[in-house]
Protein backbone atom coordinates (compact mmCIF):
# COMPACT_ATOMS: atom_id res chain seq x y z
CA MET A 1 11.37 112.16 42.89
CA VAL A 2 11.76 114.90 40.32
CA GLU A 3 14.59 114.31 37.82
CA ARG A 4 16.04 117.09 35.70
CA TRP A 5 18.71 116.55 33.03
CA GLU A 6 20.40 119.70 31.79
CA CYS A 7 23.31 120.85 29.68
CA ILE A 8 24.98 123.68 31.56
CA SER A 9 25.15 127.07 29.91
CA PRO A 10 28.34 129.12 30.34
CA ASP A 11 26.12 132.00 31.45
CA ASP A 12 24.45 130.06 34.28
CA TYR A 13 26.84 131.28 36.99
CA THR A 14 24.75 129.93 39.86
CA ARG A 15 24.83 126.43 38.37
CA ILE A 16 28.54 126.68 37.56
CA ILE A 17 29.28 127.53 41.20
CA SER A 18 27.01 124.76 42.54
CA ILE A 19 28.77 122.24 40.26
CA TYR A 20 32.14 123.46 41.53
CA HIS A 21 31.03 122.86 45.13
CA TYR A 22 29.70 119.42 44.17
CA LEU A 23 33.09 118.53 42.70
CA GLU A 24 35.50 120.43 44.96
CA SER A 25 36.42 117.33 46.97
CA LEU A 26 38.26 116.23 43.80
CA SER A 27 40.98 118.66 44.85
CA ASN A 28 42.16 115.81 47.11
CA GLU A 29 43.17 113.88 43.96
CA TYR A 30 43.85 116.90 41.75
CA PRO A 31 45.66 119.66 43.69
CA HIS A 32 45.00 122.29 41.00
CA PHE A 33 41.34 121.41 40.58
CA GLU A 34 39.99 124.92 41.23
CA GLN A 35 42.37 126.51 38.72
CA TRP A 36 41.49 123.84 36.16
CA TYR A 37 37.74 124.26 36.63
CA PHE A 38 37.63 128.06 36.55
CA GLY A 39 40.69 128.60 34.34
CA LYS A 40 40.06 125.96 31.68
CA VAL A 41 36.65 124.33 31.89
CA ILE A 42 34.51 127.45 32.19
CA PRO A 43 36.36 129.51 29.53
CA GLN A 44 36.32 126.50 27.18
CA LEU A 45 32.62 125.98 27.92
CA LYS A 46 32.08 129.46 26.49
CA LEU A 47 34.07 128.47 23.38
CA SER A 48 32.10 125.20 22.95
CA LYS A 49 35.25 123.15 23.61
CA ARG A 50 33.77 121.75 26.84
CA MET A 51 30.33 120.46 27.73
CA ILE A 52 28.75 119.77 31.09
CA LYS A 53 25.66 117.63 31.55
CA CYS A 54 24.07 117.34 34.96
CA LEU A 55 21.30 115.26 36.49
CA SER A 56 19.50 116.72 39.49
CA ILE A 57 17.07 114.73 41.59
CA ASP A 58 14.82 116.77 43.85
CA GLU A 59 17.02 119.84 43.21
CA GLU A 60 20.25 118.08 44.32
CA ILE A 61 23.01 117.10 41.90
CA ALA A 62 22.94 113.32 41.50
CA GLY A 63 25.57 113.05 38.77
CA LEU A 64 27.40 114.94 36.08
CA ILE A 65 29.93 114.70 33.33
CA ILE A 66 32.38 117.22 31.90
CA LEU A 67 33.64 116.63 28.37
CA LYS A 68 36.47 118.09 26.35
CA ASN A 69 35.60 118.21 22.66
CA THR A 70 38.34 119.62 20.47
CA GLU A 71 39.70 118.60 17.11
CA ASP A 72 42.70 117.05 18.86
CA GLU A 73 41.02 115.50 21.87
CA LYS A 74 37.76 113.74 22.75
CA LYS A 75 37.89 113.28 26.49
CA ILE A 76 35.72 112.63 29.50
CA SER A 77 37.30 115.07 31.92
CA THR A 78 35.06 114.32 34.89
CA LEU A 79 32.39 111.70 35.58
CA ARG A 80 30.80 111.73 38.99
CA VAL A 81 27.71 110.14 40.52
CA SER A 82 26.75 110.81 44.13
CA PRO A 83 27.15 107.69 46.31
CA GLU A 84 23.45 107.52 47.13
CA PHE A 85 22.61 107.33 43.40
CA GLN A 86 25.30 104.88 42.27
CA GLY A 87 24.28 101.56 40.77
CA ILE A 88 21.03 102.74 39.15
CA GLY A 89 22.35 103.59 35.67
CA ILE A 90 23.19 107.28 35.96
CA GLY A 91 26.87 106.72 35.14
CA GLN A 92 25.92 104.62 32.11
CA ASN A 93 23.46 107.28 30.90
CA LEU A 94 26.13 109.97 31.25
CA LEU A 95 28.65 107.80 29.44
CA ASN A 96 26.18 107.17 26.60
CA TRP A 97 25.59 110.92 26.29
CA ALA A 98 29.35 111.51 26.20
CA ARG A 99 29.86 109.06 23.35
CA PHE A 100 27.00 110.61 21.40
CA SER A 101 28.09 114.20 22.03
CA LEU A 102 31.75 113.56 21.24
CA HIS A 103 30.90 111.42 18.17
CA CYS A 104 33.38 108.94 19.63
CA THR A 105 32.77 105.46 21.01
CA SER A 106 36.08 105.34 22.90
CA PRO A 107 36.87 108.74 24.41
CA LEU A 108 39.98 109.21 26.52
CA VAL A 109 39.26 109.07 30.23
CA THR A 110 41.48 108.88 33.28
CA VAL A 111 40.71 107.84 36.82
CA PRO A 112 42.78 108.17 39.99
CA GLN A 113 43.70 105.03 41.89
CA VAL A 114 41.34 105.88 44.76
CA HIS A 115 38.35 105.68 42.36
CA TYR A 116 39.66 102.91 40.12
CA GLU A 117 37.45 100.15 41.54
CA ALA A 118 34.33 102.31 41.28
CA PHE A 119 34.87 102.82 37.54
CA ALA A 120 36.57 99.61 36.41
CA LYS A 121 33.38 97.60 35.80
CA LEU A 122 31.63 100.47 33.99
CA PHE A 123 34.60 101.01 31.70
CA GLU A 124 35.09 97.29 31.07
CA ARG A 125 31.38 96.80 30.30
CA ASN A 126 31.66 99.59 27.72
CA GLY A 127 34.75 98.17 26.04
CA PHE A 128 37.16 100.79 27.34
CA ILE A 129 40.78 99.68 27.22
CA LEU A 130 43.20 100.38 30.06
CA CYS A 131 46.26 101.85 28.33
CA LYS A 132 48.65 103.16 30.95
CA GLU A 133 49.29 103.79 34.61
CA TYR A 134 50.85 107.20 35.40
CA HIS A 135 52.70 107.91 38.63
CA ASP A 136 52.83 111.47 40.02
CA TYR A 137 50.98 112.86 36.98
CA TYR A 138 48.46 115.09 38.75
CA LYS A 139 49.53 114.59 42.35
CA LYS A 140 52.80 113.53 43.91
CA GLY A 141 52.36 109.99 45.14
CA GLY A 142 49.18 109.55 43.09
CA ILE A 143 48.48 107.03 40.37
CA GLU A 144 46.26 107.86 37.39
CA PHE A 145 44.95 105.22 34.98
CA SER A 146 44.20 106.16 31.38
CA TYR A 147 41.68 104.38 29.21
CA ASN A 148 41.35 104.54 25.43
CA GLY A 149 44.49 106.61 24.97
CA TYR A 150 47.45 108.27 26.56
CA LEU A 151 48.05 111.50 28.41
CA THR A 152 50.64 113.90 27.08
CA GLU A 153 53.32 115.65 29.07
CA PRO A 154 53.60 119.03 27.32
CA LYS A 155 56.52 121.24 28.22
CA GLU A 156 54.16 123.98 29.41
CA ARG A 157 52.64 121.64 31.99
CA PHE A 158 56.07 120.57 33.20
CA LEU A 159 57.32 124.13 33.45
CA ALA A 160 54.19 125.32 35.25
CA GLN A 161 54.57 122.57 37.84
CA ASN A 162 58.27 123.31 38.25
CA GLU A 163 58.21 127.11 38.17
CA ARG A 164 60.54 127.44 41.17
CA LEU A 165 63.10 125.16 39.58
CA TYR A 166 62.81 127.08 36.31
CA SER A 167 63.29 130.39 38.11
CA TYR A 168 66.31 129.11 40.04
CA ILE A 169 67.98 127.72 36.90
CA HIS A 170 67.64 131.02 35.04
CA LYS A 171 68.58 133.25 37.98
CA ALA A 172 71.65 131.13 38.56
CA GLY A 173 72.56 131.35 34.87
CA ILE A 174 72.77 127.56 34.62
CA CYS A 175 71.32 127.51 31.13
CA GLY A 176 70.51 129.98 28.41
CA SER A 177 67.38 130.72 26.48
CA ASP A 178 68.11 128.02 23.91
CA SER A 179 68.08 125.15 26.41
CA LYS A 180 65.31 122.65 27.08
CA TRP A 181 64.47 124.67 30.21
CA SER A 182 63.59 127.74 28.22
CA LYS A 183 59.91 128.62 28.06
CA ASN A 184 60.40 129.48 24.39
CA GLY A 185 62.74 126.61 23.46
């Protein structure tokens, strides 16, 4: 077996696309996954606000991690290990790299309910603290668990998810530009 660890360059378009395909099943838990990946992760990778580290074994992705590293947030955005490579330390190695790269021993990380059991032992072993359970945060009917911190609910996120409601309210003249429904208010 040939192992290759690599930090992904924002200019490596072939690798960026192959990582997207490796992760695209996450759209089952995160309905806007494609927009997030190409609209946030890749542009922020170019600005050094995101990092991606990938392990390939025999030219196939075995595991990877995506980090958000800003002044305001140190977060593990995605941690994934292929089922055939789970239980051999890849997740722990990626987690160790995340802590080192973020200069943070307890980065924020969330996990959907469907993957909770797969991550619970790893997070517990590393001293991560379960902080909150969110209902309908990323997906209607879904539950998201946050460790080492809390998710925020910025107005922009709410408005983007409720664009039709926002449009209806303003077309109907229900509220003015100074209300809580205003994009500028």
